[in-house]
Amino acid sequence: MPDIIVTTTPTVEGRRIIRYAGLVTGEAILGANIFKDLFAGIRDIVGGRSATYENELRSARDIAVTELMQAAAELGCNAVVGVDIDYETVGSSGSMLMVSVSGTAVVVE
């Protein structure tokens, strides 16, 4: 996959947008297994950061952004502007993490 510029800004500084190809998205849903949930719960009770969930969150975000970049490349684009990243918990116990990423695929000079 070619290098794709990904930015939350509406433009790429110093580059001119010459073509807008449209909306692209990427999604990832990851679940933490019961042992991770147990240890994260203990960490929450005694305080401190939950490295387990931080790692899950990072992984889900990376997967979603990679999908976004692949979608842009398939449209012949070299950048995605106006990127928005949303995080949600899903499932009856909220033990699954969903990350959705969207932006506008463009070609920049």
Protein backbone atom coordinates (compact mmCIF):
# COMPACT_ATOMS: atom_id res chain seq x y z
CA MET A 1 0.00 0.00 0.00
CA PRO A 2 1.38 3.44 -0.89
CA ASP A 3 1.95 6.06 1.79
CA ILE A 4 -1.31 7.82 2.59
CA ILE A 5 -1.37 11.13 4.46
CA VAL A 6 -4.01 11.01 7.20
CA THR A 7 -4.98 14.25 8.94
CA THR A 8 -7.80 15.62 11.06
CA THR A 9 -7.45 19.00 9.35
CA PRO A 10 -9.48 19.92 6.25
CA THR A 11 -6.33 20.43 4.16
CA VAL A 12 -2.75 19.22 3.98
CA GLU A 13 -0.48 22.18 4.71
CA GLY A 14 1.69 23.09 1.74
CA ARG A 15 -0.19 20.73 -0.62
CA ARG A 16 -3.10 21.56 -2.92
CA ILE A 17 -6.08 19.20 -3.13
CA ILE A 18 -6.70 18.45 -6.80
CA ARG A 19 -9.43 15.78 -6.50
CA TYR A 20 -12.02 14.79 -3.93
CA ALA A 21 -12.99 11.12 -4.16
CA GLY A 22 -15.50 10.97 -1.32
CA LEU A 23 -16.06 9.48 2.10
CA VAL A 24 -13.91 6.60 3.33
CA THR A 25 -14.28 4.69 6.58
CA GLY A 26 -12.61 2.09 8.72
CA GLU A 27 -14.04 0.15 11.63
CA ALA A 28 -12.74 -2.25 14.24
CA ILE A 29 -14.54 -4.07 17.03
CA LEU A 30 -12.36 -5.84 19.55
CA GLY A 31 -13.36 -7.73 22.65
CA ALA A 32 -11.31 -8.21 25.78
CA ASN A 33 -11.46 -11.76 27.06
CA ILE A 34 -12.69 -12.60 30.56
CA PHE A 35 -9.21 -12.71 32.10
CA LYS A 36 -8.34 -9.28 30.74
CA ASP A 37 -11.70 -7.97 32.03
CA LEU A 38 -11.02 -9.42 35.48
CA PHE A 39 -7.56 -7.87 35.81
CA ALA A 40 -8.73 -4.55 34.35
CA GLY A 41 -11.54 -4.53 36.92
CA ILE A 42 -9.08 -5.10 39.75
CA ARG A 43 -6.91 -2.29 38.40
CA ASP A 44 -9.95 0.01 38.32
CA ILE A 45 -10.75 -0.81 41.97
CA VAL A 46 -7.23 -0.14 43.25
CA GLY A 47 -6.63 2.78 40.90
CA GLY A 48 -4.17 3.42 38.15
CA ARG A 49 -4.24 3.00 34.43
CA SER A 50 -5.48 -0.12 32.71
CA ALA A 51 -2.73 -1.10 30.28
CA THR A 52 -4.94 -3.93 29.01
CA TYR A 53 -7.64 -1.60 27.77
CA GLU A 54 -5.15 0.99 26.58
CA ASN A 55 -3.53 -1.67 24.39
CA GLU A 56 -6.92 -2.86 23.09
CA LEU A 57 -7.89 0.72 22.30
CA ARG A 58 -4.61 1.37 20.47
CA SER A 59 -4.97 -1.85 18.49
CA ALA A 60 -8.55 -1.08 17.45
CA ARG A 61 -7.60 2.44 16.38
CA ASP A 62 -4.65 1.15 14.31
CA ILE A 63 -6.87 -1.40 12.54
CA ALA A 64 -9.54 1.20 11.76
CA VAL A 65 -7.01 3.74 10.42
CA THR A 66 -5.36 1.05 8.28
CA GLU A 67 -8.77 0.19 6.76
CA LEU A 68 -9.35 3.91 6.10
CA MET A 69 -6.00 4.19 4.31
CA GLN A 70 -6.71 1.05 2.23
CA ALA A 71 -10.07 2.47 1.17
CA ALA A 72 -8.40 5.72 0.08
CA ALA A 73 -5.71 3.84 -1.85
CA GLU A 74 -8.39 1.80 -3.66
CA LEU A 75 -9.87 5.09 -4.88
CA GLY A 76 -6.47 6.19 -6.20
CA CYS A 77 -5.98 8.79 -3.49
CA ASN A 78 -2.87 9.74 -1.54
CA ALA A 79 -4.45 11.48 1.44
CA VAL A 80 -7.46 11.49 3.75
CA VAL A 81 -8.52 14.81 5.26
CA GLY A 82 -11.03 15.77 7.94
CA VAL A 83 -10.53 12.48 9.78
CA ASP A 84 -12.81 11.84 12.75
CA ILE A 85 -12.19 9.01 15.22
CA ASP A 86 -15.06 7.77 17.40
CA TYR A 87 -14.86 5.29 20.28
CA GLU A 88 -17.80 3.32 21.68
CA THR A 89 -18.33 0.30 23.88
CA VAL A 90 -20.79 -2.26 22.56
CA GLY A 91 -22.33 -5.50 23.76
CA SER A 92 -24.57 -6.25 26.72
CA SER A 93 -21.73 -5.88 29.24
CA GLY A 94 -19.88 -3.16 27.33
CA SER A 95 -16.84 -5.42 27.06
CA MET A 96 -16.36 -4.87 23.35
CA LEU A 97 -14.70 -1.79 21.97
CA MET A 98 -15.67 -0.25 18.64
CA VAL A 99 -13.54 2.32 16.88
CA SER A 100 -14.85 3.97 13.74
CA VAL A 101 -12.81 6.32 11.60
CA SER A 102 -14.08 8.43 8.70
CA GLY A 103 -12.68 11.11 6.44
CA THR A 104 -12.58 12.41 2.88
CA ALA A 105 -10.26 10.69 0.42
CA VAL A 106 -8.38 13.18 -1.75
CA VAL A 107 -5.50 13.51 -4.15
CA VAL A 108 -2.94 16.16 -3.20
CA GLU A 109 -0.07 17.53 -5.28
